[in-house]
C-alpha cells in the first residue's frame, strides 16, 4: 500500500519534451491503472499478485527498459511532468524484476540530484525495494493494515522519519496515516495465506 504525495509541476526552462515518448509512457501507465481498476472491482486484486497484473507490469517494464537503454532515464526534460510520473510508476510496479527495479532506483537518485525527477520518487522506490529485501523502510511511504488501523510498515530510525520526509517535500506521515484510516484498504479473505504466498514469490523472483 502506497502513501502517494500530491504531484507538483516541475519542468526546466527551455526543455523540449518528446511528446511521442511522453504519450507512450502515459499510455502504458493508463493500461496498468485500467487493469488494476478491473481487478479491484471484483476484489481479486487484494488476494495476492494477480497474474493479469503481473503480465502488465512485466510488459511495461520491458518497454521502460528499452527507453532507458536508448535515451536514459525519462525525466522532466525528456518527457515532461506527466511522462516522468508515468515512468516512475512503471518502475515502481516492476516488482517481479529486482535487478531492473534497483537500476531504476539508482537512476532516479541521479535524476533527482540533477533536478530531473522529484526526490520523493527515489524515496518510494527505496522503501519498496527495502521491504521486498526484508529490510525496514526509511521514509514511511509503504503502509499496511494493523491492529489499530492503517500504519506504516516497519521503519528504520522511526524517530527521525518526519525529518527525512520533510527534506524531500513529503507531507507529514501522521497526516498520511490519518487520511488513510478514513478510507482503509480492503482486507484479504485469508491474510496468512497471502503473506505465505508473497514470501514464496519474493524468494522465487530473487528478492530474498
N, C-alpha and C. Protein backbone atom coordinates (compact mmCIF):
# COMPACT_ATOMS: atom_id res chain seq x y z
N UNK A 1 0.85 -1.19 0.00
CA UNK A 1 0.00 0.00 0.00
C UNK A 1 0.88 1.24 0.00
N UNK A 2 0.65 2.13 -0.95
CA UNK A 2 1.46 3.34 -1.09
C UNK A 2 0.76 4.54 -0.46
N UNK A 3 1.57 5.49 0.04
CA UNK A 3 1.04 6.76 0.51
C UNK A 3 1.56 7.83 -0.42
N UNK A 4 0.84 8.09 -1.50
CA UNK A 4 1.33 8.99 -2.54
C UNK A 4 1.17 10.45 -2.16
N UNK A 5 2.20 11.26 -2.42
CA UNK A 5 2.08 12.70 -2.19
C UNK A 5 1.36 13.35 -3.34
N UNK A 6 1.00 14.60 -3.17
CA UNK A 6 0.43 15.36 -4.27
C UNK A 6 1.52 15.66 -5.27
N UNK A 7 1.15 15.68 -6.55
CA UNK A 7 2.12 15.99 -7.58
C UNK A 7 2.21 17.50 -7.75
N UNK A 8 3.39 17.96 -8.15
CA UNK A 8 3.58 19.36 -8.47
C UNK A 8 4.33 19.43 -9.78
N UNK A 9 4.04 20.42 -10.59
CA UNK A 9 4.61 20.50 -11.91
C UNK A 9 5.99 21.16 -11.87
N UNK A 10 6.99 20.46 -12.40
CA UNK A 10 8.34 20.98 -12.48
C UNK A 10 8.86 20.69 -13.88
N UNK A 11 9.34 21.69 -14.58
CA UNK A 11 9.90 21.50 -15.90
C UNK A 11 10.96 22.55 -16.14
N UNK A 12 12.12 22.11 -16.57
CA UNK A 12 13.20 23.03 -16.80
C UNK A 12 12.86 24.00 -17.92
N UNK A 13 13.27 25.23 -17.78
CA UNK A 13 13.09 26.21 -18.83
C UNK A 13 13.89 25.80 -20.06
N UNK A 14 13.26 25.94 -21.22
CA UNK A 14 13.94 25.60 -22.45
C UNK A 14 13.94 24.12 -22.79
N UNK A 15 13.36 23.29 -21.92
CA UNK A 15 13.32 21.85 -22.20
C UNK A 15 12.39 21.57 -23.36
N UNK A 16 12.78 20.68 -24.25
CA UNK A 16 11.96 20.28 -25.38
C UNK A 16 11.46 18.86 -25.10
N UNK A 17 10.21 18.75 -24.77
CA UNK A 17 9.63 17.46 -24.39
C UNK A 17 9.36 16.62 -25.63
N UNK A 18 9.74 15.36 -25.55
CA UNK A 18 9.45 14.40 -26.61
C UNK A 18 8.00 13.93 -26.42
N UNK A 19 7.09 14.54 -27.17
CA UNK A 19 5.67 14.28 -26.98
C UNK A 19 5.29 12.83 -27.32
N UNK A 20 5.97 12.26 -28.30
CA UNK A 20 5.67 10.88 -28.67
C UNK A 20 6.05 9.93 -27.54
N UNK A 21 7.21 10.14 -26.97
CA UNK A 21 7.65 9.30 -25.86
C UNK A 21 6.81 9.56 -24.62
N UNK A 22 6.46 10.80 -24.38
CA UNK A 22 5.59 11.14 -23.26
C UNK A 22 4.28 10.37 -23.35
N UNK A 23 3.65 10.40 -24.53
CA UNK A 23 2.37 9.70 -24.72
C UNK A 23 2.54 8.19 -24.55
N UNK A 24 3.64 7.66 -25.05
CA UNK A 24 3.89 6.23 -24.92
C UNK A 24 3.92 5.81 -23.46
N UNK A 25 4.62 6.56 -22.63
CA UNK A 25 4.70 6.25 -21.21
C UNK A 25 3.35 6.41 -20.52
N UNK A 26 2.65 7.47 -20.84
CA UNK A 26 1.34 7.70 -20.22
C UNK A 26 0.36 6.60 -20.60
N UNK A 27 0.39 6.17 -21.86
CA UNK A 27 -0.50 5.09 -22.31
C UNK A 27 -0.19 3.79 -21.57
N UNK A 28 1.09 3.50 -21.36
CA UNK A 28 1.46 2.29 -20.61
C UNK A 28 0.94 2.36 -19.18
N UNK A 29 1.10 3.51 -18.56
CA UNK A 29 0.64 3.68 -17.18
C UNK A 29 -0.88 3.60 -17.12
N UNK A 30 -1.57 4.18 -18.11
CA UNK A 30 -3.04 4.11 -18.14
C UNK A 30 -3.51 2.66 -18.26
N UNK A 31 -2.80 1.86 -19.04
CA UNK A 31 -3.13 0.43 -19.17
C UNK A 31 -3.01 -0.25 -17.81
N UNK A 32 -1.94 0.03 -17.10
CA UNK A 32 -1.74 -0.50 -15.75
C UNK A 32 -2.92 -0.14 -14.85
N UNK A 33 -3.31 1.12 -14.88
CA UNK A 33 -4.38 1.58 -14.00
C UNK A 33 -5.74 1.01 -14.38
N UNK A 34 -5.97 0.79 -15.67
CA UNK A 34 -7.24 0.20 -16.11
C UNK A 34 -7.37 -1.24 -15.61
N UNK A 35 -6.30 -2.01 -15.77
CA UNK A 35 -6.33 -3.40 -15.30
C UNK A 35 -6.48 -3.45 -13.79
N UNK A 36 -5.76 -2.57 -13.11
CA UNK A 36 -5.86 -2.52 -11.65
C UNK A 36 -7.29 -2.24 -11.21
N UNK A 37 -7.95 -1.28 -11.88
CA UNK A 37 -9.33 -0.93 -11.53
C UNK A 37 -10.28 -2.11 -11.76
N UNK A 38 -10.07 -2.84 -12.85
CA UNK A 38 -10.92 -4.00 -13.13
C UNK A 38 -10.77 -5.06 -12.04
N UNK A 39 -9.54 -5.33 -11.65
CA UNK A 39 -9.29 -6.36 -10.63
C UNK A 39 -9.74 -5.90 -9.24
N UNK A 40 -9.63 -4.60 -8.99
CA UNK A 40 -10.11 -4.07 -7.71
C UNK A 40 -11.63 -4.17 -7.63
N UNK A 41 -12.30 -3.99 -8.75
CA UNK A 41 -13.76 -4.01 -8.77
C UNK A 41 -14.32 -5.38 -8.39
N UNK A 42 -13.62 -6.46 -8.79
CA UNK A 42 -14.12 -7.79 -8.42
C UNK A 42 -13.44 -8.36 -7.18
N UNK A 43 -12.54 -7.57 -6.57
CA UNK A 43 -11.90 -7.97 -5.32
C UNK A 43 -10.67 -8.84 -5.47
N UNK A 44 -10.37 -9.32 -6.67
CA UNK A 44 -9.26 -10.26 -6.84
C UNK A 44 -7.90 -9.58 -6.71
N UNK A 45 -7.85 -8.25 -6.86
CA UNK A 45 -6.59 -7.54 -6.75
C UNK A 45 -5.98 -7.70 -5.36
N UNK A 46 -6.82 -7.85 -4.36
CA UNK A 46 -6.36 -7.80 -2.97
C UNK A 46 -6.05 -9.18 -2.38
N UNK A 47 -6.14 -10.21 -3.21
CA UNK A 47 -5.91 -11.57 -2.71
C UNK A 47 -4.50 -12.06 -2.97
N UNK A 48 -3.67 -11.26 -3.62
CA UNK A 48 -2.31 -11.66 -3.97
C UNK A 48 -1.92 -11.02 -5.28
N UNK A 49 -0.76 -11.34 -5.78
CA UNK A 49 -0.27 -10.75 -7.02
C UNK A 49 -0.97 -11.43 -8.18
N UNK A 50 -1.95 -10.76 -8.74
CA UNK A 50 -2.79 -11.35 -9.78
C UNK A 50 -1.98 -11.56 -11.07
N UNK A 51 -2.13 -12.70 -11.74
CA UNK A 51 -1.38 -12.97 -12.97
C UNK A 51 -1.58 -11.89 -14.05
N UNK A 52 -2.79 -11.36 -14.16
CA UNK A 52 -3.02 -10.30 -15.16
C UNK A 52 -2.23 -9.05 -14.82
N UNK A 53 -2.18 -8.73 -13.54
CA UNK A 53 -1.44 -7.53 -13.12
C UNK A 53 0.05 -7.74 -13.33
N UNK A 54 0.53 -8.94 -13.02
CA UNK A 54 1.94 -9.23 -13.21
C UNK A 54 2.31 -9.14 -14.69
N UNK A 55 1.45 -9.62 -15.57
CA UNK A 55 1.73 -9.57 -17.00
C UNK A 55 1.86 -8.13 -17.49
N UNK A 56 0.97 -7.25 -16.99
CA UNK A 56 1.06 -5.83 -17.35
C UNK A 56 2.36 -5.23 -16.84
N UNK A 57 2.69 -5.51 -15.61
CA UNK A 57 3.90 -4.95 -15.02
C UNK A 57 5.15 -5.39 -15.78
N UNK A 58 5.22 -6.64 -16.17
CA UNK A 58 6.39 -7.13 -16.88
C UNK A 58 6.47 -6.53 -18.29
N UNK A 59 5.33 -6.42 -18.95
CA UNK A 59 5.32 -5.83 -20.29
C UNK A 59 5.74 -4.36 -20.24
N UNK A 60 5.23 -3.63 -19.27
CA UNK A 60 5.59 -2.22 -19.12
C UNK A 60 7.06 -2.06 -18.75
N UNK A 61 7.56 -2.94 -17.90
CA UNK A 61 8.97 -2.88 -17.53
C UNK A 61 9.86 -3.09 -18.75
N UNK A 62 9.46 -3.99 -19.63
CA UNK A 62 10.24 -4.23 -20.85
C UNK A 62 10.29 -2.99 -21.72
N UNK A 63 9.16 -2.27 -21.79
CA UNK A 63 9.11 -1.03 -22.56
C UNK A 63 10.00 0.04 -21.93
N UNK A 64 9.92 0.17 -20.62
CA UNK A 64 10.74 1.17 -19.94
C UNK A 64 12.22 0.82 -20.04
N UNK A 65 12.56 -0.45 -19.96
CA UNK A 65 13.96 -0.88 -20.09
C UNK A 65 14.52 -0.46 -21.45
N UNK A 66 13.71 -0.61 -22.49
CA UNK A 66 14.13 -0.23 -23.83
C UNK A 66 14.36 1.28 -23.91
N UNK A 67 13.46 2.05 -23.33
CA UNK A 67 13.58 3.51 -23.34
C UNK A 67 14.86 3.94 -22.62
N UNK A 68 15.11 3.34 -21.46
CA UNK A 68 16.31 3.68 -20.69
C UNK A 68 17.57 3.34 -21.48
N UNK A 69 17.58 2.19 -22.13
CA UNK A 69 18.76 1.77 -22.89
C UNK A 69 19.05 2.74 -24.03
N UNK A 70 18.00 3.30 -24.62
CA UNK A 70 18.18 4.18 -25.78
C UNK A 70 18.36 5.65 -25.42
N UNK A 71 17.71 6.09 -24.34
CA UNK A 71 17.67 7.53 -24.06
C UNK A 71 17.96 7.90 -22.61
N UNK A 72 18.26 6.94 -21.77
CA UNK A 72 18.48 7.23 -20.37
C UNK A 72 17.17 7.38 -19.63
N UNK A 73 17.26 7.77 -18.37
CA UNK A 73 16.04 7.88 -17.57
C UNK A 73 15.13 8.97 -18.14
N UNK A 74 13.84 8.67 -18.35
CA UNK A 74 12.90 9.66 -18.90
C UNK A 74 12.41 10.62 -17.82
N UNK A 75 13.17 11.66 -17.61
CA UNK A 75 12.83 12.65 -16.60
C UNK A 75 12.06 13.83 -17.18
N UNK A 76 11.93 14.89 -16.38
CA UNK A 76 11.16 16.06 -16.78
C UNK A 76 11.61 16.63 -18.13
N UNK A 77 12.94 16.73 -18.32
CA UNK A 77 13.46 17.40 -19.51
C UNK A 77 13.17 16.62 -20.79
N UNK A 78 12.94 15.31 -20.66
CA UNK A 78 12.69 14.48 -21.84
C UNK A 78 11.20 14.26 -22.09
N UNK A 79 10.45 13.99 -21.04
CA UNK A 79 9.03 13.60 -21.23
C UNK A 79 8.06 14.43 -20.40
N UNK A 80 8.52 15.52 -19.78
CA UNK A 80 7.62 16.36 -19.02
C UNK A 80 7.18 15.74 -17.71
N UNK A 81 6.35 16.47 -16.99
CA UNK A 81 5.89 16.03 -15.67
C UNK A 81 5.08 14.74 -15.73
N UNK A 82 4.10 14.69 -16.62
CA UNK A 82 3.22 13.53 -16.69
C UNK A 82 3.97 12.29 -17.18
N UNK A 83 4.83 12.48 -18.17
CA UNK A 83 5.60 11.34 -18.67
C UNK A 83 6.56 10.82 -17.63
N UNK A 84 7.20 11.73 -16.90
CA UNK A 84 8.14 11.32 -15.86
C UNK A 84 7.42 10.59 -14.72
N UNK A 85 6.23 11.07 -14.40
CA UNK A 85 5.44 10.40 -13.36
C UNK A 85 5.07 8.99 -13.80
N UNK A 86 4.67 8.85 -15.06
CA UNK A 86 4.31 7.53 -15.58
C UNK A 86 5.52 6.60 -15.56
N UNK A 87 6.68 7.11 -15.95
CA UNK A 87 7.90 6.30 -15.93
C UNK A 87 8.21 5.83 -14.52
N UNK A 88 8.08 6.74 -13.55
CA UNK A 88 8.34 6.36 -12.16
C UNK A 88 7.38 5.27 -11.70
N UNK A 89 6.10 5.41 -12.05
CA UNK A 89 5.14 4.43 -11.56
C UNK A 89 5.35 3.07 -12.25
N UNK A 90 5.72 3.07 -13.51
CA UNK A 90 6.05 1.81 -14.18
C UNK A 90 7.22 1.13 -13.47
N UNK A 91 8.24 1.92 -13.15
CA UNK A 91 9.40 1.37 -12.42
C UNK A 91 8.99 0.88 -11.05
N UNK A 92 8.14 1.63 -10.38
CA UNK A 92 7.66 1.27 -9.04
C UNK A 92 6.90 -0.05 -9.05
N UNK A 93 6.28 -0.35 -10.18
CA UNK A 93 5.48 -1.58 -10.30
C UNK A 93 6.25 -2.74 -10.90
N UNK A 94 7.53 -2.57 -11.20
CA UNK A 94 8.31 -3.66 -11.81
C UNK A 94 8.85 -4.60 -10.74
N UNK A 95 7.95 -5.01 -9.85
CA UNK A 95 8.35 -5.72 -8.64
C UNK A 95 8.85 -7.14 -8.89
N UNK A 96 8.53 -7.70 -10.06
CA UNK A 96 8.99 -9.05 -10.36
C UNK A 96 10.38 -9.10 -10.95
N UNK A 97 11.04 -7.93 -11.05
CA UNK A 97 12.36 -7.85 -11.66
C UNK A 97 13.30 -7.04 -10.76
N UNK A 98 13.82 -7.67 -9.71
CA UNK A 98 14.62 -6.96 -8.71
C UNK A 98 15.79 -6.16 -9.28
N UNK A 99 16.55 -6.75 -10.19
CA UNK A 99 17.72 -6.05 -10.72
C UNK A 99 17.32 -4.78 -11.46
N UNK A 100 16.27 -4.86 -12.25
CA UNK A 100 15.80 -3.69 -13.00
C UNK A 100 15.26 -2.62 -12.05
N UNK A 101 14.54 -3.03 -11.03
CA UNK A 101 13.99 -2.07 -10.09
C UNK A 101 15.11 -1.36 -9.33
N UNK A 102 16.14 -2.08 -8.97
CA UNK A 102 17.29 -1.44 -8.31
C UNK A 102 17.99 -0.47 -9.26
N UNK A 103 18.09 -0.83 -10.53
CA UNK A 103 18.68 0.07 -11.51
C UNK A 103 17.87 1.37 -11.59
N UNK A 104 16.55 1.24 -11.63
CA UNK A 104 15.69 2.42 -11.69
C UNK A 104 15.86 3.28 -10.45
N UNK A 105 16.02 2.65 -9.30
CA UNK A 105 16.25 3.41 -8.07
C UNK A 105 17.51 4.26 -8.20
N UNK A 106 18.58 3.67 -8.72
CA UNK A 106 19.83 4.42 -8.88
C UNK A 106 19.67 5.56 -9.88
N UNK A 107 18.95 5.29 -10.96
CA UNK A 107 18.74 6.33 -11.98
C UNK A 107 17.89 7.46 -11.44
N UNK A 108 16.90 7.13 -10.63
CA UNK A 108 16.05 8.16 -10.03
C UNK A 108 16.83 9.01 -9.04
N UNK A 109 17.74 8.40 -8.31
CA UNK A 109 18.57 9.17 -7.38
C UNK A 109 19.41 10.19 -8.15
N UNK A 110 19.99 9.75 -9.24
CA UNK A 110 20.81 10.66 -10.06
C UNK A 110 19.95 11.74 -10.69
N UNK A 111 18.79 11.35 -11.21
CA UNK A 111 17.90 12.32 -11.85
C UNK A 111 17.40 13.37 -10.87
N UNK A 112 17.08 12.95 -9.65
CA UNK A 112 16.60 13.90 -8.65
C UNK A 112 17.71 14.85 -8.23
N UNK A 113 18.94 14.34 -8.19
CA UNK A 113 20.08 15.21 -7.86
C UNK A 113 20.30 16.26 -8.93
N UNK A 114 19.92 15.93 -10.17
CA UNK A 114 20.09 16.85 -11.29
C UNK A 114 18.84 17.70 -11.54
N UNK A 115 17.83 17.57 -10.69
CA UNK A 115 16.61 18.33 -10.86
C UNK A 115 15.71 17.79 -11.95
N UNK A 116 15.92 16.53 -12.37
CA UNK A 116 15.14 15.96 -13.46
C UNK A 116 14.10 14.96 -12.97
N UNK A 117 13.95 14.83 -11.66
CA UNK A 117 12.93 13.97 -11.05
C UNK A 117 12.68 14.48 -9.64
N UNK A 118 11.52 14.16 -9.11
CA UNK A 118 11.20 14.54 -7.74
C UNK A 118 11.99 13.66 -6.76
N UNK A 119 12.62 14.22 -5.74
CA UNK A 119 13.34 13.40 -4.76
C UNK A 119 12.46 12.35 -4.09
N UNK A 120 11.18 12.64 -3.90
CA UNK A 120 10.31 11.67 -3.24
C UNK A 120 10.13 10.40 -4.07
N UNK A 121 10.33 10.50 -5.40
CA UNK A 121 10.17 9.32 -6.23
C UNK A 121 11.24 8.28 -5.90
N UNK A 122 12.46 8.75 -5.66
CA UNK A 122 13.51 7.82 -5.24
C UNK A 122 13.17 7.23 -3.87
N UNK A 123 12.61 8.04 -2.98
CA UNK A 123 12.25 7.55 -1.65
C UNK A 123 11.24 6.41 -1.73
N UNK A 124 10.24 6.54 -2.59
CA UNK A 124 9.25 5.48 -2.76
C UNK A 124 9.90 4.20 -3.27
N UNK A 125 10.77 4.35 -4.26
CA UNK A 125 11.45 3.19 -4.80
C UNK A 125 12.31 2.52 -3.75
N UNK A 126 13.04 3.33 -3.00
CA UNK A 126 13.94 2.79 -1.98
C UNK A 126 13.16 2.05 -0.90
N UNK A 127 12.06 2.63 -0.46
CA UNK A 127 11.25 1.98 0.58
C UNK A 127 10.69 0.65 0.10
N UNK A 128 10.16 0.64 -1.10
CA UNK A 128 9.55 -0.59 -1.60
C UNK A 128 10.60 -1.68 -1.77
N UNK A 129 11.74 -1.32 -2.33
CA UNK A 129 12.81 -2.30 -2.53
C UNK A 129 13.29 -2.85 -1.19
N UNK A 130 13.49 -1.98 -0.22
CA UNK A 130 13.97 -2.43 1.08
C UNK A 130 12.99 -3.41 1.73
N UNK A 131 11.72 -3.16 1.60
CA UNK A 131 10.74 -4.07 2.20
C UNK A 131 10.76 -5.42 1.50
N UNK A 132 10.88 -5.44 0.18
CA UNK A 132 10.98 -6.71 -0.53
C UNK A 132 12.24 -7.46 -0.12
N UNK A 133 13.28 -6.73 0.23
CA UNK A 133 14.53 -7.35 0.66
C UNK A 133 14.50 -7.78 2.12
N UNK A 134 13.41 -7.47 2.81
CA UNK A 134 13.30 -7.83 4.22
C UNK A 134 13.91 -6.81 5.15
N UNK A 135 14.12 -5.58 4.66
CA UNK A 135 14.70 -4.50 5.46
C UNK A 135 13.64 -3.46 5.81
N UNK A 136 13.84 -2.72 6.90
CA UNK A 136 12.88 -1.66 7.23
C UNK A 136 12.99 -0.50 6.25
N UNK A 137 11.87 0.16 6.00
CA UNK A 137 11.86 1.31 5.10
C UNK A 137 12.39 2.56 5.82
N UNK A 138 12.77 3.59 5.05
CA UNK A 138 13.34 4.79 5.62
C UNK A 138 12.35 5.97 5.68
N UNK A 139 11.39 5.99 4.76
CA UNK A 139 10.58 7.20 4.61
C UNK A 139 9.09 7.01 4.94
N UNK A 140 8.69 5.79 5.24
CA UNK A 140 7.31 5.56 5.63
C UNK A 140 6.31 5.68 4.50
N UNK A 141 6.75 5.41 3.27
CA UNK A 141 5.84 5.52 2.13
C UNK A 141 4.95 4.30 1.96
N UNK A 142 5.34 3.19 2.58
CA UNK A 142 4.59 1.94 2.43
C UNK A 142 3.78 1.66 3.69
N UNK A 143 2.47 1.53 3.51
CA UNK A 143 1.57 1.35 4.64
C UNK A 143 0.95 -0.04 4.62
N UNK A 144 0.38 -0.41 5.75
CA UNK A 144 -0.28 -1.70 5.88
C UNK A 144 -1.43 -1.57 6.87
N UNK A 145 -2.31 -2.55 6.87
CA UNK A 145 -3.40 -2.59 7.85
C UNK A 145 -2.89 -3.27 9.11
N UNK A 146 -2.95 -2.57 10.24
CA UNK A 146 -2.52 -3.12 11.52
C UNK A 146 -3.68 -3.32 12.46
N UNK A 147 -3.37 -3.71 13.68
CA UNK A 147 -4.43 -3.95 14.68
C UNK A 147 -5.21 -2.69 15.00
N UNK A 148 -4.56 -1.54 14.90
CA UNK A 148 -5.22 -0.27 15.22
C UNK A 148 -5.56 0.55 13.98
N UNK A 149 -5.60 -0.12 12.84
CA UNK A 149 -5.88 0.59 11.59
C UNK A 149 -4.63 0.71 10.75
N UNK A 150 -4.70 1.53 9.71
CA UNK A 150 -3.57 1.69 8.80
C UNK A 150 -2.36 2.24 9.54
N UNK A 151 -1.19 1.68 9.26
CA UNK A 151 0.05 2.09 9.91
C UNK A 151 1.21 1.90 8.94
N UNK A 152 2.34 2.56 9.17
CA UNK A 152 3.49 2.32 8.29
C UNK A 152 4.05 0.93 8.50
N UNK A 153 4.57 0.34 7.44
CA UNK A 153 5.29 -0.91 7.58
C UNK A 153 6.60 -0.62 8.32
N UNK A 154 7.33 -1.64 8.79
CA UNK A 154 8.48 -1.41 9.68
C UNK A 154 9.42 -0.31 9.19
N UNK A 155 9.82 0.55 10.16
CA UNK A 155 10.62 1.73 9.87
C UNK A 155 12.02 1.63 10.47
N UNK A 156 12.99 2.15 9.75
CA UNK A 156 14.34 2.33 10.26
C UNK A 156 14.44 3.73 10.85
N UNK A 157 14.95 3.85 12.08
CA UNK A 157 15.11 5.15 12.72
C UNK A 157 13.80 5.93 12.68
N UNK A 158 12.76 5.32 13.26
CA UNK A 158 11.41 5.89 13.20
C UNK A 158 11.33 7.29 13.79
N UNK A 159 12.18 7.60 14.78
CA UNK A 159 12.11 8.90 15.43
C UNK A 159 12.41 10.05 14.48
N UNK A 160 13.17 9.77 13.42
CA UNK A 160 13.56 10.83 12.50
C UNK A 160 12.89 10.74 11.14
N UNK A 161 11.85 9.92 11.03
CA UNK A 161 11.22 9.73 9.73
C UNK A 161 10.56 11.02 9.24
N UNK A 162 9.97 11.79 10.14
CA UNK A 162 9.30 13.03 9.70
C UNK A 162 10.31 14.03 9.14
N UNK A 163 11.48 14.09 9.74
CA UNK A 163 12.52 15.00 9.24
C UNK A 163 12.99 14.56 7.86
N UNK A 164 13.13 13.26 7.67
CA UNK A 164 13.55 12.76 6.36
C UNK A 164 12.50 13.05 5.31
N UNK A 165 11.24 12.90 5.68
CA UNK A 165 10.16 13.19 4.74
C UNK A 165 10.12 14.68 4.41
N UNK A 166 10.25 15.50 5.40
CA UNK A 166 10.20 16.95 5.18
C UNK A 166 11.31 17.39 4.22
N UNK A 167 12.48 16.78 4.34
CA UNK A 167 13.61 17.15 3.49
C UNK A 167 13.33 16.85 2.02
N UNK A 168 12.41 15.91 1.74
CA UNK A 168 12.09 15.54 0.37
C UNK A 168 10.79 16.17 -0.12
N UNK A 169 10.17 16.97 0.73
CA UNK A 169 8.91 17.59 0.35
C UNK A 169 7.70 16.70 0.52
N UNK A 170 7.84 15.63 1.28
CA UNK A 170 6.71 14.75 1.56
C UNK A 170 5.90 15.30 2.72
N UNK A 171 4.58 15.13 2.70
CA UNK A 171 3.76 15.59 3.82
C UNK A 171 4.03 14.76 5.07
N UNK A 172 3.69 15.27 6.23
CA UNK A 172 3.91 14.51 7.47
C UNK A 172 3.26 13.14 7.43
N UNK A 173 3.96 12.14 7.92
CA UNK A 173 3.43 10.78 7.92
C UNK A 173 2.16 10.70 8.75
N UNK A 174 2.09 11.48 9.82
CA UNK A 174 0.90 11.47 10.66
C UNK A 174 -0.34 11.87 9.86
N UNK A 175 -0.19 12.83 8.94
CA UNK A 175 -1.33 13.26 8.12
C UNK A 175 -1.72 12.17 7.13
N UNK A 176 -0.73 11.52 6.55
CA UNK A 176 -0.99 10.45 5.58
C UNK A 176 -1.74 9.30 6.24
N UNK A 177 -1.31 8.93 7.46
CA UNK A 177 -1.96 7.83 8.17
C UNK A 177 -3.39 8.20 8.53
N UNK A 178 -3.59 9.42 9.02
CA UNK A 178 -4.94 9.86 9.38
C UNK A 178 -5.87 9.81 8.17
N UNK A 179 -5.35 10.24 7.02
CA UNK A 179 -6.15 10.23 5.80
C UNK A 179 -6.46 8.80 5.37
N UNK A 180 -5.45 7.92 5.46
CA UNK A 180 -5.64 6.53 5.05
C UNK A 180 -6.63 5.80 5.95
N UNK A 181 -6.64 6.14 7.22
CA UNK A 181 -7.56 5.48 8.15
C UNK A 181 -9.01 5.87 7.90
N UNK A 182 -9.22 6.97 7.20
CA UNK A 182 -10.58 7.37 6.84
C UNK A 182 -11.12 6.52 5.69
N UNK A 183 -10.21 5.90 4.92
CA UNK A 183 -10.61 5.07 3.78
C UNK A 183 -9.68 3.86 3.72
N UNK A 184 -9.80 2.95 4.68
CA UNK A 184 -8.87 1.82 4.76
C UNK A 184 -9.00 0.89 3.56
N UNK A 185 -7.89 0.20 3.19
CA UNK A 185 -7.93 -0.71 2.05
C UNK A 185 -8.70 -1.99 2.38
N UNK A 186 -9.19 -2.68 1.36
CA UNK A 186 -9.85 -3.97 1.58
C UNK A 186 -8.90 -4.96 2.24
N UNK A 187 -9.46 -5.84 3.06
CA UNK A 187 -8.66 -6.85 3.76
C UNK A 187 -8.79 -8.17 3.03
N UNK A 188 -7.67 -8.87 2.75
CA UNK A 188 -7.75 -10.19 2.08
C UNK A 188 -8.59 -11.16 2.90
N UNK A 189 -9.20 -12.11 2.21
CA UNK A 189 -10.03 -13.09 2.91
C UNK A 189 -9.18 -14.00 3.80
N UNK A 190 -7.92 -14.20 3.41
CA UNK A 190 -7.00 -15.04 4.20
C UNK A 190 -5.63 -14.37 4.20
N UNK A 191 -5.39 -13.53 5.19
CA UNK A 191 -4.14 -12.77 5.24
C UNK A 191 -2.94 -13.67 5.39
N UNK A 192 -3.06 -14.72 6.19
CA UNK A 192 -1.93 -15.63 6.41
C UNK A 192 -1.52 -16.31 5.11
N UNK A 193 -2.50 -16.74 4.33
CA UNK A 193 -2.22 -17.39 3.06
C UNK A 193 -1.59 -16.40 2.08
N UNK A 194 -2.07 -15.18 2.09
CA UNK A 194 -1.50 -14.16 1.21
C UNK A 194 -0.05 -13.87 1.59
N UNK A 195 0.22 -13.76 2.88
CA UNK A 195 1.59 -13.49 3.35
C UNK A 195 2.53 -14.63 2.97
N UNK A 196 2.07 -15.86 3.11
CA UNK A 196 2.90 -17.01 2.76
C UNK A 196 3.19 -17.04 1.27
N UNK A 197 2.18 -16.70 0.48
CA UNK A 197 2.36 -16.67 -0.98
C UNK A 197 3.35 -15.58 -1.37
N UNK A 198 3.25 -14.42 -0.72
CA UNK A 198 4.16 -13.32 -1.04
C UNK A 198 5.61 -13.69 -0.69
N UNK A 199 5.79 -14.33 0.45
CA UNK A 199 7.14 -14.74 0.85
C UNK A 199 7.74 -15.72 -0.16
N UNK A 200 6.94 -16.68 -0.60
CA UNK A 200 7.42 -17.64 -1.58
C UNK A 200 7.75 -16.94 -2.90
N UNK A 201 6.91 -15.98 -3.28
CA UNK A 201 7.14 -15.24 -4.52
C UNK A 201 8.41 -14.40 -4.43
N UNK A 202 8.65 -13.76 -3.31
CA UNK A 202 9.87 -12.95 -3.15
C UNK A 202 11.12 -13.81 -3.30
N UNK A 203 11.07 -15.02 -2.78
CA UNK A 203 12.21 -15.94 -2.94
C UNK A 203 12.34 -16.39 -4.39
N UNK A 204 11.22 -16.64 -5.03
CA UNK A 204 11.23 -17.14 -6.40
C UNK A 204 11.84 -16.13 -7.38
N UNK A 205 11.46 -14.85 -7.23
CA UNK A 205 11.93 -13.84 -8.20
C UNK A 205 13.28 -13.27 -7.84
N UNK A 206 13.78 -13.56 -6.62
CA UNK A 206 15.13 -13.15 -6.28
C UNK A 206 15.29 -11.98 -5.33
N UNK A 207 14.19 -11.60 -4.66
CA UNK A 207 14.33 -10.55 -3.64
C UNK A 207 15.04 -11.08 -2.40
N UNK A 208 14.83 -12.33 -2.09
CA UNK A 208 15.42 -12.95 -0.89
C UNK A 208 16.34 -14.10 -1.29
